[in-house]
Amino acid sequence: MRSALRSNSAKVGAAVGASLLAAATSVVVGAPTAGAQPAGHQVRYTLVSGGAYQFDLFYLTSQPPSMEAFNADAYAFAKREKVNLAPGVPWVFETTLEDPNWAILQVSSTTKGGQAAPNAHCDIAVDGAVLTEHNDPYNVRCQLGNW
């Protein structure tokens, strides 16, 4: 009888130990790591002007699931706005895109009588590295692959 009790106690102890080990493992495995990177890539659009000027901007703010979805409702994923820039003061917009090849920044302005060209510059950086840039007296376009 003593042997049966010891055997049953050992079985219960082993079962409790296994349950605790399984619970502890699931907590450790399921816990997020402190240094985990967010999904996607950090994309930064920058526009700088050599002179005080107003620009019309068009840029992607979030990634569409497909070009068809973008074509069906572009402004669900992009923004159009007017900005006034002072010389050398950048306009910057940051977003996260799963595929940075969707990144695009189109900039346009018009000539103004008696006012020098603004000499615009745009660039797109992905995860801190500038991947494309463009300079033009009035209109610049920076884009990566999908356009």
Protein backbone atom coordinates (compact mmCIF):
# COMPACT_ATOMS: atom_id res chain seq x y z
CA MET A 1 0.00 0.00 0.00
CA ARG A 2 2.84 2.31 0.89
CA SER A 3 4.37 1.63 -2.49
CA ALA A 4 1.08 2.46 -4.24
CA LEU A 5 0.81 5.78 -2.34
CA ARG A 6 4.36 6.70 -3.21
CA SER A 7 3.74 5.81 -6.83
CA ASN A 8 0.53 7.89 -6.97
CA SER A 9 2.24 10.82 -5.22
CA ALA A 10 5.10 10.64 -7.68
CA LYS A 11 2.67 10.61 -10.62
CA VAL A 12 0.75 13.62 -9.26
CA GLY A 13 4.00 15.47 -8.56
CA ALA A 14 5.28 14.73 -12.04
CA ALA A 15 2.01 15.88 -13.62
CA VAL A 16 2.00 19.13 -11.60
CA GLY A 17 5.65 19.74 -12.46
CA ALA A 18 5.02 19.14 -16.15
CA SER A 19 2.02 21.50 -16.08
CA LEU A 20 4.05 24.24 -14.39
CA LEU A 21 6.89 23.78 -16.87
CA ALA A 22 4.48 23.99 -19.81
CA ALA A 23 2.85 27.13 -18.39
CA ALA A 24 6.21 28.80 -17.79
CA THR A 25 7.38 27.93 -21.29
CA SER A 26 4.26 29.41 -22.90
CA VAL A 27 4.74 32.66 -20.95
CA VAL A 28 8.37 32.94 -22.05
CA VAL A 29 7.66 31.99 -25.67
CA GLY A 30 4.58 34.22 -25.93
CA ALA A 31 6.19 37.30 -24.38
CA PRO A 32 7.25 39.96 -26.92
CA THR A 33 10.90 40.87 -26.96
CA ALA A 34 11.83 44.39 -25.92
CA GLY A 35 13.89 45.03 -29.06
CA ALA A 36 11.36 43.68 -31.57
CA GLN A 37 11.12 45.70 -34.77
CA PRO A 38 7.69 46.89 -35.93
CA ALA A 39 6.41 45.29 -39.13
CA GLY A 40 7.48 47.15 -42.24
CA HIS A 41 10.05 49.80 -43.04
CA GLN A 42 10.34 53.38 -41.79
CA VAL A 43 9.91 55.63 -44.85
CA ARG A 44 10.71 59.35 -44.70
CA TYR A 45 9.80 61.89 -47.41
CA THR A 46 11.71 65.19 -47.38
CA LEU A 47 11.26 68.34 -49.46
CA VAL A 48 13.57 71.36 -49.20
CA SER A 49 13.41 74.61 -51.14
CA GLY A 50 16.14 77.13 -51.85
CA GLY A 51 13.61 79.98 -51.70
CA ALA A 52 10.30 80.79 -50.02
CA TYR A 53 7.69 79.07 -52.16
CA GLN A 54 4.34 77.28 -52.22
CA PHE A 55 4.28 73.67 -53.42
CA ASP A 56 1.56 71.16 -54.26
CA LEU A 57 2.42 67.74 -52.82
CA PHE A 58 1.14 64.25 -53.50
CA TYR A 59 2.52 61.38 -51.41
CA LEU A 60 1.64 57.89 -50.20
CA THR A 61 0.68 57.76 -46.52
CA SER A 62 -0.12 54.04 -46.22
CA GLN A 63 0.43 51.02 -48.40
CA PRO A 64 -2.47 49.72 -50.49
CA PRO A 65 -2.93 45.96 -50.79
CA SER A 66 -2.61 46.23 -54.59
CA MET A 67 -2.40 48.72 -57.46
CA GLU A 68 -6.04 47.91 -58.21
CA ALA A 69 -7.03 49.00 -54.68
CA PHE A 70 -4.97 52.19 -55.08
CA ASN A 71 -6.58 52.96 -58.46
CA ALA A 72 -10.06 52.37 -57.01
CA ASP A 73 -9.56 54.83 -54.11
CA ALA A 74 -6.16 56.58 -54.22
CA TYR A 75 -6.92 59.02 -51.42
CA ALA A 76 -7.50 56.19 -48.96
CA PHE A 77 -3.72 55.65 -49.23
CA ALA A 78 -2.34 59.01 -50.37
CA LYS A 79 -2.60 62.69 -49.54
CA ARG A 80 -2.55 65.86 -51.62
CA GLU A 81 -1.77 69.16 -49.92
CA LYS A 82 -0.30 72.62 -50.38
CA VAL A 83 2.68 73.64 -48.26
CA ASN A 84 4.59 76.88 -47.94
CA LEU A 85 8.30 76.42 -47.32
CA ALA A 86 10.86 78.87 -46.06
CA PRO A 87 14.33 78.63 -47.62
CA GLY A 88 16.26 75.66 -46.25
CA VAL A 89 13.49 74.58 -43.84
CA PRO A 90 12.47 71.02 -44.76
CA TRP A 91 9.00 69.55 -44.94
CA VAL A 92 9.16 65.97 -43.63
CA PHE A 93 6.59 63.17 -43.49
CA GLU A 94 7.24 59.71 -42.02
CA THR A 95 5.24 56.52 -42.42
CA THR A 96 5.72 52.77 -42.21
CA LEU A 97 5.35 50.67 -45.35
CA GLU A 98 5.64 46.89 -45.55
CA ASP A 99 7.10 47.31 -49.06
CA PRO A 100 8.99 50.61 -49.45
CA ASN A 101 8.78 50.31 -53.25
CA TRP A 102 5.35 51.94 -52.88
CA ALA A 103 6.95 55.21 -51.68
CA ILE A 104 6.27 58.26 -53.86
CA LEU A 105 6.48 62.03 -53.42
CA GLN A 106 5.42 64.30 -56.31
CA VAL A 107 6.01 68.03 -55.92
CA SER A 108 4.90 70.79 -58.25
CA SER A 109 4.99 74.58 -58.26
CA THR A 110 4.54 77.32 -60.81
CA THR A 111 6.71 80.19 -61.92
CA LYS A 112 6.00 83.53 -60.33
CA GLY A 113 6.91 86.70 -62.20
CA GLY A 114 9.93 88.43 -60.69
CA GLN A 115 10.61 85.59 -58.23
CA ALA A 116 13.55 83.24 -58.63
CA ALA A 117 12.99 79.51 -59.02
CA PRO A 118 12.74 77.74 -55.65
CA ASN A 119 15.29 75.05 -56.64
CA ALA A 120 13.40 72.21 -54.99
CA HIS A 121 15.01 69.03 -53.66
CA CYS A 122 13.21 65.85 -52.58
CA ASP A 123 14.42 62.58 -51.20
CA ILE A 124 13.03 59.32 -49.85
CA ALA A 125 14.86 57.51 -47.06
CA VAL A 126 14.07 53.95 -46.00
CA ASP A 127 15.20 52.81 -42.56
CA GLY A 128 17.48 55.86 -42.40
CA ALA A 129 19.20 55.44 -45.79
CA VAL A 130 18.39 57.84 -48.65
CA LEU A 131 17.45 55.65 -51.63
CA THR A 132 16.40 58.28 -54.16
CA GLU A 133 16.59 62.04 -54.59
CA HIS A 134 15.79 64.63 -57.24
CA ASN A 135 16.61 68.31 -57.79
CA ASP A 136 14.77 70.66 -60.14
CA PRO A 137 14.11 74.40 -60.32
CA TYR A 138 10.33 73.89 -59.81
CA ASN A 139 8.99 70.32 -59.88
CA VAL A 140 10.54 67.25 -58.27
CA ARG A 141 9.44 63.64 -58.15
CA CYS A 142 10.94 61.02 -55.87
CA GLN A 143 9.71 57.46 -56.11
CA LEU A 144 10.85 53.92 -55.61
CA GLY A 145 9.82 50.81 -57.59
CA ASN A 146 6.07 50.28 -57.99
CA TRP A 147 5.21 53.39 -59.98
